[in-house]
Amino acid sequence: MEKEREKEIYVIGHRNPDTDSVCSAIAYARLKNAIAAKIRQNGSDEGYQDFIIDSNYKDAVYVAAAAGQMNTETDFVLNYFKVPEPRYMNVIRTQVRDIRVAHPIGIQPDMSLRKAWETMRDQNHSTLAIIDDEGKFGGLISMSDLARSYMSVLNNQILAEAHTPIRNIIETLRGTLVAGRDDICLTKGKLVVATSNVDVLAKFIEKDDLVILANRYEAQLCAIENHASCLIVCDGSKVSRTIRKMAEQNNCTVISTPFDTYTVTRSINQSIPVSHFMLSNSDGLVYFRDKEFVSEIKGIMMNQRYRDFPVVTNDDHYYGMISRRSLINMESKKVILVDHNEQAQAAEGVVEAEIIEIIDHHKLGTVETIQPVKVRSQPVGCTATIIYQMYRENAIDIPKDTAGILCAAIISDTLLFRSPTCTMEDESAANVLSKIAGIDMELFAAEMFEAGSNLRKKTDSEIFYQDYKMFSSGEIHYGVGQVISMNSEELEDIQGRMLAYMESVRESKRLSMVLFMLTNVLTESTRLLFVGKEAKIYVETSFGMTPHNDYVDLQGVVSRKKQLIPRLMATLQQ
């Protein structure tokens, strides 16, 4: 899954997405995946030269994304054609999960120090995450922690203090369980090496002690009679039936190991569970969430002495490890922009992303790229028209549902061919697509526009941001929104609400002015609302009409892109 995710390339429209933005992103992602699959199948990109799939991206998965919540019109379209919603992605800044995250396995807290060291050696990683049975992150154990445990421990009760499992001792000493159980832990007693005579041992061995000894029957018997909790018999010596029976009767565990007394004494602390030496959250452990932004954690990483930093998910499950080296030559998110090319309209963080393609039908804007990219910009009424042409150019069949959403996008952006932005190419594409989708465009358009309006039930924010874009001209920054309806009364009802909300947006965003188009499809007209100190004079100059205090009626004006923005830009530039 991680390998697959790293190859994702996001096809994404503008903020406050409209139907064209969303549907074009979905259709283009499908086209890219279809052509990439054919290239992989044929082993050649011959015939797809115009499409241009860079060799670095031939194994990529193209994912449609939306840079904001979809409006009701777009919801209607996707539901009508049963097309899944694109991935919600209002921010495209580089996240921790986008950089090179190592994935050493997580280990259980009761794993022995010895086993942890072997795991580090096998994985060539000096730090391991401690996880519980559900995979949730609990702490870290590092090579330096292992060294500290080996060099600084002089406490003969540490095995009990660490609640060392019997199975860890058996594993570490390559032992065999002769008597007792291996599913219990040492919780009391000290470690005793039985080298003295029996008289001395009888005074020294206490209840619950762990005793290391050799093939001495008397010493073994003495330890059991003194209620030792565990005997470790060295040199692979056999344990008599009598000792085994007495051990069972006294709840004493007996382990036989092939190692000699010196090796056992030297190695037994390696059976201590890692939980006793690990660095836990309560110790001020620094870790990151997989969805945190790299730009926000860089400073923290540089100011910490740790070599590796754990990464966890939002539900605290262990995800992987990153280091400072992960930030070297890290890859940004790769994106294809559709239906926009202005930074102010793009998803937040676009400056941190690597733009590899732009497909649009608007004027050229302010998006900057790191390197040359493929740009396809055509003076048509809808981005979906361009996507349709690219399907045809690459001889890729258009599925019924894809044809449906592309046709819907053209109908929406051209107001069923009433907009002055509409071209013969748009009409031709829509006619073909409607036949593939099996829809009557007139009937479908009426349903779609009705679903998209229904303004009385929407909040001010939902209406305002249904189709809203930001623009700049020199030092003047302004926003223009638009709603389209077939109901004059509905548009009049929201006028007062929108004027108040527009002013609040202007103040919070520190804009020079905010304009809002109440467009009536049936009358092919727009009531243009405006707020801002100089807005009235800009509107009057642009359209040669004397506005009311906060609005002007524009007959025949329905297109923001072709009829409103160019006139405003000309006025502002003067």
Protein backbone atom coordinates (compact mmCIF):
# COMPACT_ATOMS: atom_id res chain seq x y z
CA MET A 1 0.00 0.00 0.00
CA GLU A 2 2.82 2.38 0.82
CA LYS A 3 4.55 1.69 -2.49
CA GLU A 4 1.31 2.33 -4.35
CA ARG A 5 0.60 5.54 -2.44
CA GLU A 6 4.01 7.00 -3.25
CA LYS A 7 3.15 6.84 -6.97
CA GLU A 8 -0.08 8.77 -6.71
CA ILE A 9 -0.45 11.85 -8.91
CA TYR A 10 -3.40 14.06 -8.07
CA VAL A 11 -5.63 15.55 -10.76
CA ILE A 12 -7.27 18.49 -9.02
CA GLY A 13 -9.47 21.46 -9.81
CA HIS A 14 -9.74 24.86 -8.17
CA ARG A 15 -10.96 25.89 -4.73
CA ASN A 16 -14.73 26.11 -4.29
CA PRO A 17 -15.07 23.57 -7.10
CA ASP A 18 -17.84 23.77 -9.66
CA THR A 19 -19.17 20.95 -11.82
CA ASP A 20 -16.59 21.43 -14.58
CA SER A 21 -13.70 21.45 -12.10
CA VAL A 22 -14.79 18.20 -10.43
CA CYS A 23 -15.99 16.27 -13.48
CA SER A 24 -12.97 17.20 -15.58
CA ALA A 25 -10.63 16.05 -12.82
CA ILE A 26 -12.40 12.69 -12.57
CA ALA A 27 -12.51 12.17 -16.34
CA TYR A 28 -8.88 13.19 -16.88
CA ALA A 29 -7.63 10.92 -14.08
CA ARG A 30 -9.51 8.06 -15.74
CA LEU A 31 -7.99 8.93 -19.12
CA LYS A 32 -4.46 9.04 -17.71
CA ASN A 33 -4.90 5.69 -15.97
CA ALA A 34 -6.35 4.11 -19.11
CA ILE A 35 -3.47 5.27 -21.31
CA ALA A 36 -0.84 4.35 -18.71
CA ALA A 37 -2.36 0.85 -18.57
CA LYS A 38 -2.20 0.52 -22.38
CA ILE A 39 1.41 1.68 -22.43
CA ARG A 40 2.34 -0.87 -19.76
CA GLN A 41 0.45 -3.57 -21.62
CA ASN A 42 2.02 -2.79 -25.00
CA GLY A 43 5.46 -2.04 -23.60
CA SER A 44 5.58 1.09 -25.74
CA ASP A 45 4.16 4.61 -25.78
CA GLU A 46 3.95 4.66 -29.58
CA GLY A 47 0.74 6.35 -30.65
CA TYR A 48 0.50 8.37 -27.44
CA GLN A 49 3.19 10.96 -28.16
CA ASP A 50 0.76 13.85 -27.81
CA PHE A 51 -0.36 12.53 -24.46
CA ILE A 52 3.19 12.54 -23.05
CA ILE A 53 3.56 10.27 -20.06
CA ASP A 54 6.98 10.95 -18.58
CA SER A 55 8.95 7.74 -17.95
CA ASN A 56 9.00 8.62 -14.25
CA TYR A 57 5.21 8.46 -14.14
CA LYS A 58 4.42 5.38 -16.22
CA ASP A 59 3.73 3.34 -13.10
CA ALA A 60 1.81 6.14 -11.39
CA VAL A 61 -1.79 5.98 -10.25
CA TYR A 62 -3.74 9.12 -11.15
CA VAL A 63 -6.21 10.16 -8.46
CA ALA A 64 -9.01 12.68 -8.95
CA ALA A 65 -9.23 15.20 -6.13
CA ALA A 66 -11.40 18.14 -5.13
CA ALA A 67 -9.93 21.24 -3.50
CA GLY A 68 -13.10 21.96 -1.54
CA GLN A 69 -16.58 20.78 -0.70
CA MET A 70 -18.74 20.13 -3.74
CA ASN A 71 -21.90 22.12 -4.40
CA THR A 72 -25.36 20.64 -4.77
CA GLU A 73 -25.28 20.78 -8.55
CA THR A 74 -22.12 18.68 -8.69
CA ASP A 75 -23.54 16.28 -6.09
CA PHE A 76 -26.59 15.84 -8.31
CA VAL A 77 -24.41 15.08 -11.35
CA LEU A 78 -22.25 12.49 -9.60
CA ASN A 79 -25.26 10.79 -8.02
CA TYR A 80 -27.16 10.81 -11.32
CA PHE A 81 -24.36 8.96 -13.12
CA LYS A 82 -23.34 6.93 -10.04
CA VAL A 83 -19.77 8.23 -10.08
CA PRO A 84 -17.85 8.16 -6.76
CA GLU A 85 -16.79 11.49 -5.30
CA PRO A 86 -13.16 12.50 -5.81
CA ARG A 87 -10.79 12.58 -2.87
CA TYR A 88 -11.23 15.66 -0.70
CA MET A 89 -7.91 17.50 -0.73
CA ASN A 90 -8.11 21.17 0.19
CA VAL A 91 -4.42 21.23 1.09
CA ILE A 92 -1.66 19.81 -1.12
CA ARG A 93 1.34 20.72 0.98
CA THR A 94 3.92 18.00 1.48
CA GLN A 95 3.03 15.80 4.44
CA VAL A 96 5.18 13.43 6.46
CA ARG A 97 3.61 10.47 4.67
CA ASP A 98 4.79 11.93 1.33
CA ILE A 99 8.50 11.75 2.16
CA ARG A 100 10.63 8.64 2.48
CA VAL A 101 9.34 6.86 5.53
CA ALA A 102 11.23 3.74 6.62
CA HIS A 103 9.11 0.85 7.84
CA PRO A 104 11.08 -1.28 10.31
CA ILE A 105 8.67 -3.63 12.04
CA GLY A 106 7.27 -2.67 15.40
CA ILE A 107 8.05 -4.99 18.30
CA GLN A 108 6.07 -6.02 21.36
CA PRO A 109 7.03 -4.51 24.74
CA ASP A 110 7.83 -7.93 26.21
CA MET A 111 10.39 -8.79 23.52
CA SER A 112 13.83 -9.50 24.99
CA LEU A 113 16.74 -7.12 24.58
CA ARG A 114 18.58 -9.90 22.77
CA LYS A 115 15.79 -10.39 20.25
CA ALA A 116 15.48 -6.65 19.75
CA TRP A 117 19.20 -6.42 18.96
CA GLU A 118 18.90 -9.26 16.44
CA THR A 119 15.94 -7.51 14.83
CA MET A 120 17.91 -4.26 14.53
CA ARG A 121 20.81 -6.15 12.99
CA ASP A 122 18.63 -7.99 10.49
CA GLN A 123 16.77 -4.84 9.45
CA ASN A 124 19.87 -2.65 9.52
CA HIS A 125 18.02 -0.12 11.66
CA SER A 126 19.24 1.28 14.97
CA THR A 127 15.81 2.19 16.40
CA LEU A 128 12.63 0.15 16.77
CA ALA A 129 9.11 1.17 17.71
CA ILE A 130 7.31 -0.54 20.56
CA ILE A 131 3.69 -1.37 19.73
CA ASP A 132 0.84 -3.15 21.49
CA ASP A 133 -1.30 -6.00 20.18
CA GLU A 134 -3.44 -3.54 18.20
CA GLY A 135 -0.43 -1.92 16.55
CA LYS A 136 -0.63 1.28 18.59
CA PHE A 137 2.60 3.10 19.26
CA GLY A 138 3.97 2.99 22.80
CA GLY A 139 7.63 3.97 22.70
CA LEU A 140 11.11 3.43 21.23
CA ILE A 141 14.14 1.25 21.91
CA SER A 142 17.46 2.18 20.32
CA MET A 143 20.88 0.63 20.01
CA SER A 144 22.17 3.08 22.60
CA ASP A 145 19.46 1.89 25.02
CA LEU A 146 20.69 -1.68 24.56
CA ALA A 147 24.25 -0.61 25.23
CA ARG A 148 23.15 1.22 28.37
CA SER A 149 21.30 -1.84 29.63
CA TYR A 150 24.38 -4.00 29.13
CA MET A 151 26.95 -1.65 30.61
CA SER A 152 25.18 -0.02 33.53
CA VAL A 153 23.05 -2.73 35.13
CA LEU A 154 24.59 -4.09 38.37
CA ASN A 155 21.31 -4.79 40.13
CA ASN A 156 20.81 -8.48 40.90
CA GLN A 157 17.03 -7.96 41.18
CA ILE A 158 16.54 -6.33 37.80
CA LEU A 159 15.06 -9.45 36.17
CA ALA A 160 12.20 -9.35 38.67
CA GLU A 161 11.86 -5.58 38.58
CA ALA A 162 11.52 -5.74 34.80
CA HIS A 163 8.92 -8.54 35.03
CA THR A 164 11.01 -10.70 32.73
CA PRO A 165 8.98 -13.45 31.01
CA ILE A 166 10.24 -17.02 31.48
CA ARG A 167 9.98 -17.55 27.73
CA ASN A 168 12.48 -14.69 27.20
CA ILE A 169 15.00 -16.48 29.44
CA ILE A 170 14.49 -19.76 27.58
CA GLU A 171 14.90 -18.01 24.20
CA THR A 172 17.97 -16.01 25.24
CA LEU A 173 19.75 -19.02 26.74
CA ARG A 174 18.56 -21.41 24.03
CA GLY A 175 17.18 -23.45 26.87
CA THR A 176 14.62 -26.18 27.34
CA LEU A 177 11.77 -26.04 29.83
CA VAL A 178 12.21 -29.03 32.14
CA ALA A 179 9.57 -28.20 34.74
CA GLY A 180 7.03 -25.45 35.36
CA ARG A 181 5.44 -22.96 32.93
CA ASP A 182 6.88 -20.58 30.34
CA ASP A 183 3.90 -18.19 30.25
CA ILE A 184 4.69 -16.47 33.54
CA CYS A 185 7.03 -13.65 34.54
CA LEU A 186 9.55 -13.16 37.30
CA THR A 187 8.18 -10.57 39.70
CA LYS A 188 10.19 -11.14 42.91
CA GLY A 189 13.58 -12.33 44.04
CA LYS A 190 17.21 -11.81 43.13
CA LEU A 191 19.67 -13.55 40.83
CA VAL A 192 21.96 -16.08 42.57
CA VAL A 193 24.92 -17.97 41.09
CA ALA A 194 25.23 -21.19 43.12
CA THR A 195 28.99 -21.81 43.29
CA SER A 196 29.28 -22.20 47.08
CA ASN A 197 28.72 -25.34 49.15
CA VAL A 198 25.25 -26.31 50.26
CA ASP A 199 25.61 -24.87 53.76
CA VAL A 200 26.36 -21.42 52.39
CA LEU A 201 23.65 -21.69 49.71
CA ALA A 202 21.04 -22.61 52.29
CA LYS A 203 21.67 -19.30 54.03
CA PHE A 204 21.90 -17.25 50.84
CA ILE A 205 19.05 -18.52 48.63
CA GLU A 206 15.72 -16.94 49.51
CA LYS A 207 12.12 -17.34 48.42
CA ASP A 208 11.44 -16.43 44.75
CA ASP A 209 15.14 -16.21 43.81
CA LEU A 210 16.38 -17.27 40.36
CA VAL A 211 19.34 -19.61 40.79
CA ILE A 212 22.03 -20.41 38.20
CA LEU A 213 23.76 -23.71 38.95
CA ALA A 214 25.40 -26.76 37.43
CA ASN A 215 24.89 -30.53 37.69
CA ARG A 216 24.92 -30.61 41.50
CA TYR A 217 21.97 -32.54 42.91
CA GLU A 218 22.44 -31.16 46.42
CA ALA A 219 22.49 -27.53 45.21
CA GLN A 220 19.39 -28.09 43.08
CA LEU A 221 17.57 -29.70 46.00
CA CYS A 222 18.63 -26.88 48.35
CA ALA A 223 17.31 -24.20 45.97
CA ILE A 224 13.93 -25.95 45.64
CA GLU A 225 13.62 -26.45 49.39
CA ASN A 226 14.36 -22.74 49.90
CA HIS A 227 11.46 -21.95 47.54
CA ALA A 228 13.43 -20.53 44.63
CA SER A 229 11.12 -19.56 41.75
CA CYS A 230 13.41 -20.67 38.91
CA LEU A 231 16.50 -22.88 38.41
CA ILE A 232 18.77 -22.59 35.41
CA VAL A 233 20.84 -25.74 34.99
CA CYS A 234 23.95 -25.11 32.87
CA ASP A 235 26.14 -27.19 30.53
CA GLY A 236 23.14 -29.12 29.18
CA SER A 237 23.13 -31.29 32.28
CA LYS A 238 20.25 -33.68 32.71
CA VAL A 239 17.82 -33.00 35.53
CA SER A 240 16.82 -36.01 37.57
CA ARG A 241 13.24 -37.19 37.79
CA THR A 242 13.24 -36.49 41.53
CA ILE A 243 14.28 -32.84 41.03
CA ARG A 244 11.68 -32.37 38.28
CA LYS A 245 8.96 -33.82 40.52
CA MET A 246 9.93 -31.67 43.51
CA ALA A 247 10.09 -28.58 41.31
CA GLU A 248 6.56 -29.18 40.07
CA GLN A 249 5.32 -29.66 43.61
CA ASN A 250 6.94 -26.39 44.74
CA ASN A 251 5.91 -24.28 41.68
CA CYS A 252 9.54 -23.94 40.70
CA THR A 253 10.46 -23.52 37.01
CA VAL A 254 13.49 -25.49 35.80
CA ILE A 255 15.33 -24.58 32.60
CA SER A 256 18.19 -26.55 31.06
CA THR A 257 20.66 -24.61 28.89
CA PRO A 258 23.68 -25.76 26.86
CA PHE A 259 25.64 -22.69 27.95
CA ASP A 260 28.19 -22.78 30.78
CA THR A 261 27.76 -20.80 33.99
CA TYR A 262 29.88 -17.86 32.81
CA THR A 263 27.95 -17.46 29.56
CA VAL A 264 24.59 -17.73 31.32
CA THR A 265 25.57 -15.16 33.94
CA ARG A 266 26.83 -12.83 31.24
CA SER A 267 23.84 -13.27 28.92
CA ILE A 268 20.80 -13.57 31.16
CA ASN A 269 20.17 -9.83 31.41
CA GLN A 270 19.61 -9.88 27.65
CA SER A 271 16.28 -11.58 28.38
CA ILE A 272 14.93 -8.43 30.07
CA PRO A 273 11.91 -7.06 28.11
CA VAL A 274 12.50 -3.92 26.08
CA SER A 275 9.69 -2.17 27.96
CA HIS A 276 12.05 -1.75 30.93
CA PHE A 277 14.51 0.40 28.95
CA MET A 278 12.34 1.92 26.23
CA LEU A 279 11.70 5.63 25.83
CA SER A 280 7.96 6.19 26.20
CA ASN A 281 5.56 9.06 25.59
CA SER A 282 5.78 10.03 29.26
CA ASP A 283 9.54 10.56 28.82
CA GLY A 284 8.96 13.44 26.39
CA LEU A 285 9.38 11.32 23.28
CA VAL A 286 9.21 13.34 20.04
CA TYR A 287 7.06 11.79 17.34
CA PHE A 288 5.04 13.03 14.36
CA ARG A 289 1.68 12.33 12.77
CA ASP A 290 1.71 10.97 9.22
CA LYS A 291 -0.49 13.87 8.03
CA GLU A 292 1.58 16.66 9.59
CA PHE A 293 3.17 19.08 7.15
CA VAL A 294 6.90 18.73 6.61
CA SER A 295 7.43 22.48 6.67
CA GLU A 296 6.09 22.55 10.24
CA ILE A 297 8.28 19.77 11.64
CA LYS A 298 11.61 20.59 10.00
CA GLY A 299 12.66 22.92 12.79
CA ILE A 300 11.77 20.38 15.47
CA MET A 301 13.80 17.66 13.76
CA MET A 302 16.84 19.88 13.39
CA ASN A 303 16.80 20.86 17.07
CA GLN A 304 16.57 17.33 18.43
CA ARG A 305 19.47 14.97 18.97
CA TYR A 306 17.54 11.87 17.97
CA ARG A 307 18.58 9.99 14.88
CA ASP A 308 15.14 8.56 14.10
CA PHE A 309 11.65 9.90 14.72
CA PRO A 310 8.59 7.67 14.88
CA VAL A 311 5.54 8.43 12.75
CA VAL A 312 2.04 7.51 13.90
CA THR A 313 -1.42 7.82 12.40
CA ASN A 314 -4.22 9.96 13.79
CA ASP A 315 -5.50 6.95 15.75
CA ASP A 316 -2.01 6.39 17.26
CA HIS A 317 -1.10 3.34 15.18
CA TYR A 318 2.57 2.97 14.32
CA TYR A 319 3.31 4.06 10.73
CA GLY A 320 7.11 4.16 10.31
CA MET A 321 10.32 6.07 10.96
CA ILE A 322 11.84 9.20 9.48
CA SER A 323 15.24 10.80 9.97
CA ARG A 324 16.88 14.03 8.92
CA ARG A 325 18.09 12.21 5.85
CA SER A 326 14.44 11.77 4.85
CA LEU A 327 14.32 15.51 4.18
CA ILE A 328 17.16 15.32 1.65
CA ASN A 329 15.84 15.19 -1.92
CA MET A 330 12.33 14.63 -0.59
CA GLU A 331 9.63 14.51 -3.22
CA SER A 332 6.70 16.88 -3.16
CA LYS A 333 3.15 15.91 -4.06
CA LYS A 334 2.74 15.72 -7.83
CA VAL A 335 -0.35 17.40 -9.21
CA ILE A 336 -2.13 18.11 -12.48
CA LEU A 337 -4.20 21.29 -12.41
CA VAL A 338 -7.47 21.32 -14.31
CA ASP A 339 -9.85 24.24 -14.91
CA HIS A 340 -7.50 26.80 -13.33
CA ASN A 341 -3.96 28.11 -13.46
CA GLU A 342 -3.97 30.89 -10.85
CA GLN A 343 -2.31 30.40 -7.50
CA ALA A 344 -5.10 32.20 -5.63
CA GLN A 345 -7.62 29.68 -7.01
CA ALA A 346 -5.50 26.58 -6.38
CA ALA A 347 -5.64 24.37 -3.31
CA GLU A 348 -3.62 25.61 -0.35
CA GLY A 349 0.05 24.69 -0.56
CA VAL A 350 0.28 24.49 -4.35
CA VAL A 351 3.63 26.30 -4.14
CA GLU A 352 5.01 23.24 -2.30
CA ALA A 353 3.68 20.80 -4.89
CA GLU A 354 5.28 19.74 -8.17
CA ILE A 355 2.92 20.72 -10.97
CA ILE A 356 3.44 18.40 -13.93
CA GLU A 357 0.54 19.44 -16.15
CA ILE A 358 -2.12 22.13 -16.59
CA ILE A 359 -5.37 21.68 -18.53
CA ASP A 360 -7.49 24.83 -18.65
CA HIS A 361 -9.72 27.18 -20.66
CA HIS A 362 -9.14 30.42 -18.75
CA LYS A 363 -6.67 33.26 -19.20
CA LEU A 364 -3.11 32.51 -18.11
CA GLY A 365 -2.59 33.30 -14.45
CA THR A 366 0.04 33.29 -11.72
CA VAL A 367 0.92 29.65 -11.04
CA GLU A 368 4.68 29.13 -11.16
CA THR A 369 6.32 25.78 -11.85
CA ILE A 370 9.73 24.38 -10.92
CA GLN A 371 10.39 23.09 -14.42
CA PRO A 372 8.71 23.20 -17.84
CA VAL A 373 5.37 21.43 -17.84
CA LYS A 374 2.80 20.39 -20.38
CA VAL A 375 0.12 23.08 -20.67
CA ARG A 376 -3.02 22.72 -22.75
CA SER A 377 -5.12 25.85 -22.77
CA GLN A 378 -7.89 26.37 -25.32
CA PRO A 379 -10.46 29.16 -25.78
CA VAL A 380 -13.48 26.95 -25.30
CA GLY A 381 -16.39 27.21 -22.91
CA CYS A 382 -15.47 24.28 -20.66
CA THR A 383 -12.45 22.25 -19.59
CA ALA A 384 -14.52 19.11 -20.11
CA THR A 385 -14.53 19.85 -23.85
CA ILE A 386 -10.74 19.65 -23.86
CA ILE A 387 -10.80 16.38 -21.92
CA TYR A 388 -13.29 14.96 -24.45
CA GLN A 389 -10.95 15.92 -27.29
CA MET A 390 -8.03 14.19 -25.54
CA TYR A 391 -10.03 10.95 -25.27
CA ARG A 392 -10.65 11.12 -29.02
CA GLU A 393 -7.06 12.02 -29.87
CA ASN A 394 -5.76 9.01 -27.96
CA ALA A 395 -8.47 6.61 -29.25
CA ILE A 396 -9.70 5.78 -25.76
CA ASP A 397 -13.34 4.75 -25.50
CA ILE A 398 -15.41 6.98 -23.23
CA PRO A 399 -17.47 4.97 -20.70
CA LYS A 400 -21.13 5.91 -20.29
CA ASP A 401 -20.72 7.42 -16.83
CA THR A 402 -17.64 9.40 -17.88
CA ALA A 403 -19.51 10.72 -20.91
CA GLY A 404 -22.37 11.73 -18.62
CA ILE A 405 -20.29 13.81 -16.23
CA LEU A 406 -18.35 15.45 -19.09
CA CYS A 407 -21.61 16.40 -20.82
CA ALA A 408 -23.01 17.73 -17.54
CA ALA A 409 -19.90 19.87 -17.07
CA ILE A 410 -20.29 21.42 -20.54
CA ILE A 411 -23.99 22.12 -19.94
CA SER A 412 -23.14 23.73 -16.60
CA ASP A 413 -20.27 25.91 -17.78
CA THR A 414 -21.99 27.07 -20.98
CA LEU A 415 -25.45 27.42 -19.39
CA LEU A 416 -26.76 24.96 -21.98
CA PHE A 417 -24.94 26.83 -24.76
CA ARG A 418 -26.38 30.26 -23.76
CA SER A 419 -23.09 31.62 -22.46
CA PRO A 420 -20.96 33.77 -24.80
CA THR A 421 -18.03 31.54 -23.84
CA CYS A 422 -19.68 28.61 -25.63
CA THR A 423 -18.06 27.51 -28.89
CA MET A 424 -18.99 25.12 -31.65
CA GLU A 425 -16.49 22.70 -30.13
CA ASP A 426 -18.44 22.69 -26.87
CA GLU A 427 -21.76 22.01 -28.59
CA SER A 428 -20.24 19.29 -30.78
CA ALA A 429 -18.64 17.57 -27.79
CA ALA A 430 -21.85 17.76 -25.73
CA ASN A 431 -23.94 16.27 -28.55
CA VAL A 432 -21.62 13.25 -28.85
CA LEU A 433 -21.34 12.80 -25.09
CA SER A 434 -25.10 13.01 -24.51
CA LYS A 435 -25.66 10.16 -26.98
CA ILE A 436 -23.04 8.00 -25.23
CA ALA A 437 -24.56 8.84 -21.84
CA GLY A 438 -28.11 8.33 -23.10
CA ILE A 439 -29.54 11.64 -21.84
CA ASP A 440 -31.80 14.36 -23.23
CA MET A 441 -29.76 17.52 -22.63
CA GLU A 442 -32.76 19.87 -22.26
CA LEU A 443 -34.46 17.69 -19.66
CA PHE A 444 -31.22 16.90 -17.84
CA ALA A 445 -30.19 20.57 -17.74
CA ALA A 446 -33.51 21.56 -16.15
CA GLU A 447 -33.09 18.93 -13.41
CA MET A 448 -29.44 19.83 -12.84
CA PHE A 449 -29.97 23.60 -12.62
CA GLU A 450 -32.93 23.12 -10.29
CA ALA A 451 -30.86 20.86 -8.01
CA GLY A 452 -28.02 23.35 -8.07
CA SER A 453 -30.14 26.35 -7.17
CA ASN A 454 -32.63 25.58 -4.37
CA LEU A 455 -30.98 28.54 -2.66
CA ARG A 456 -33.51 29.09 0.12
CA LYS A 457 -32.38 25.97 1.97
CA LYS A 458 -28.68 26.86 1.84
CA THR A 459 -26.59 28.84 4.30
CA ASP A 460 -24.98 32.12 3.30
CA SER A 461 -21.60 30.39 3.16
CA GLU A 462 -22.89 27.54 0.96
CA ILE A 463 -24.40 30.00 -1.51
CA PHE A 464 -21.43 32.35 -1.57
CA TYR A 465 -18.75 29.70 -1.99
CA GLN A 466 -20.75 27.59 -4.45
CA ASP A 467 -18.70 29.09 -7.28
CA TYR A 468 -16.23 31.65 -5.98
CA LYS A 469 -12.83 32.69 -7.35
CA MET A 470 -10.10 35.11 -6.35
CA PHE A 471 -8.40 37.56 -8.75
CA SER A 472 -5.63 40.15 -8.57
CA SER A 473 -4.65 43.17 -10.61
CA GLY A 474 -1.57 44.91 -9.29
CA GLU A 475 -2.21 45.76 -5.65
CA ILE A 476 -5.95 45.17 -5.93
CA HIS A 477 -7.20 41.77 -4.74
CA TYR A 478 -10.83 40.87 -5.16
CA GLY A 479 -13.21 37.96 -5.24
CA VAL A 480 -16.09 37.14 -7.58
CA GLY A 481 -18.80 34.60 -6.83
CA GLN A 482 -21.72 33.42 -8.92
CA VAL A 483 -24.94 31.49 -8.51
CA ILE A 484 -27.09 30.39 -11.42
CA SER A 485 -30.81 29.85 -11.14
CA MET A 486 -33.94 29.62 -13.26
CA ASN A 487 -36.03 31.30 -10.55
CA SER A 488 -36.07 35.12 -10.37
CA GLU A 489 -37.81 35.22 -6.98
CA GLU A 490 -35.22 32.89 -5.50
CA LEU A 491 -32.41 35.19 -6.63
CA GLU A 492 -34.13 38.28 -5.23
CA ASP A 493 -34.71 36.56 -1.88
CA ILE A 494 -30.99 36.03 -1.24
CA GLN A 495 -29.78 39.48 -2.35
CA GLY A 496 -29.83 41.06 1.12
CA ARG A 497 -28.26 38.01 2.72
CA MET A 498 -25.43 37.97 0.21
CA LEU A 499 -24.58 41.66 0.55
CA ALA A 500 -24.11 41.31 4.30
CA TYR A 501 -22.08 38.13 3.91
CA MET A 502 -19.94 39.64 1.12
CA GLU A 503 -18.90 42.49 3.40
CA SER A 504 -17.88 40.06 6.13
CA VAL A 505 -15.78 38.10 3.62
CA ARG A 506 -14.17 41.29 2.29
CA GLU A 507 -13.14 42.38 5.79
CA SER A 508 -11.89 38.96 6.92
CA LYS A 509 -9.91 38.36 3.71
CA ARG A 510 -8.73 42.00 3.52
CA LEU A 511 -9.92 42.35 -0.07
CA SER A 512 -10.37 45.57 -1.98
CA MET A 513 -13.83 44.48 -3.12
CA VAL A 514 -16.12 41.49 -3.48
CA LEU A 515 -18.61 40.98 -6.31
CA PHE A 516 -21.39 38.43 -6.66
CA MET A 517 -23.32 37.47 -9.78
CA LEU A 518 -26.97 36.47 -9.44
CA THR A 519 -27.42 34.94 -12.88
CA ASN A 520 -30.81 34.01 -14.32
CA VAL A 521 -30.51 31.37 -17.04
CA LEU A 522 -33.99 31.99 -18.50
CA THR A 523 -33.64 35.77 -18.88
CA GLU A 524 -29.92 35.54 -19.69
CA SER A 525 -29.15 38.36 -17.29
CA THR A 526 -27.18 39.00 -14.10
CA ARG A 527 -27.73 41.22 -11.09
CA LEU A 528 -24.19 42.09 -10.01
CA LEU A 529 -23.82 42.79 -6.28
CA PHE A 530 -20.73 44.58 -5.01
CA VAL A 531 -19.13 45.75 -1.75
CA GLY A 532 -15.93 47.71 -1.21
CA LYS A 533 -14.90 51.35 -1.08
CA GLU A 534 -14.08 51.72 -4.80
CA ALA A 535 -16.28 48.90 -6.11
CA LYS A 536 -19.11 51.13 -7.34
CA ILE A 537 -16.87 53.31 -9.50
CA TYR A 538 -15.03 50.28 -10.91
CA VAL A 539 -18.34 48.66 -11.90
CA GLU A 540 -19.70 51.89 -13.38
CA THR A 541 -16.54 52.44 -15.43
CA SER A 542 -16.42 48.83 -16.61
CA PHE A 543 -20.03 48.63 -17.83
CA GLY A 544 -20.90 52.27 -18.57
CA MET A 545 -23.96 52.12 -16.33
CA THR A 546 -24.88 53.98 -13.17
CA PRO A 547 -25.36 51.33 -10.47
CA HIS A 548 -27.66 51.45 -7.50
CA ASN A 549 -25.93 51.67 -4.11
CA ASP A 550 -24.79 48.06 -4.12
CA TYR A 551 -25.90 46.39 -7.35
CA VAL A 552 -26.35 46.81 -11.10
CA ASP A 553 -28.51 44.82 -13.54
CA LEU A 554 -26.61 43.57 -16.57
CA GLN A 555 -28.71 42.29 -19.44
CA GLY A 556 -27.04 39.62 -21.57
CA VAL A 557 -24.19 39.14 -19.09
CA VAL A 558 -23.98 35.55 -17.82
CA SER A 559 -20.28 34.68 -18.03
CA ARG A 560 -17.82 35.66 -15.32
CA LYS A 561 -14.86 34.56 -17.40
CA LYS A 562 -15.68 36.25 -20.69
CA GLN A 563 -18.04 39.13 -19.88
CA LEU A 564 -17.20 40.29 -16.37
CA ILE A 565 -13.52 39.67 -15.54
CA PRO A 566 -12.06 41.08 -18.81
CA ARG A 567 -13.93 44.39 -18.35
CA LEU A 568 -12.93 44.67 -14.71
CA MET A 569 -9.31 43.87 -15.54
CA ALA A 570 -9.23 46.57 -18.22
CA THR A 571 -10.63 49.14 -15.78
CA LEU A 572 -8.24 48.17 -12.98
CA GLN A 573 -5.22 48.24 -15.27
CA GLN A 574 -6.09 51.77 -16.33
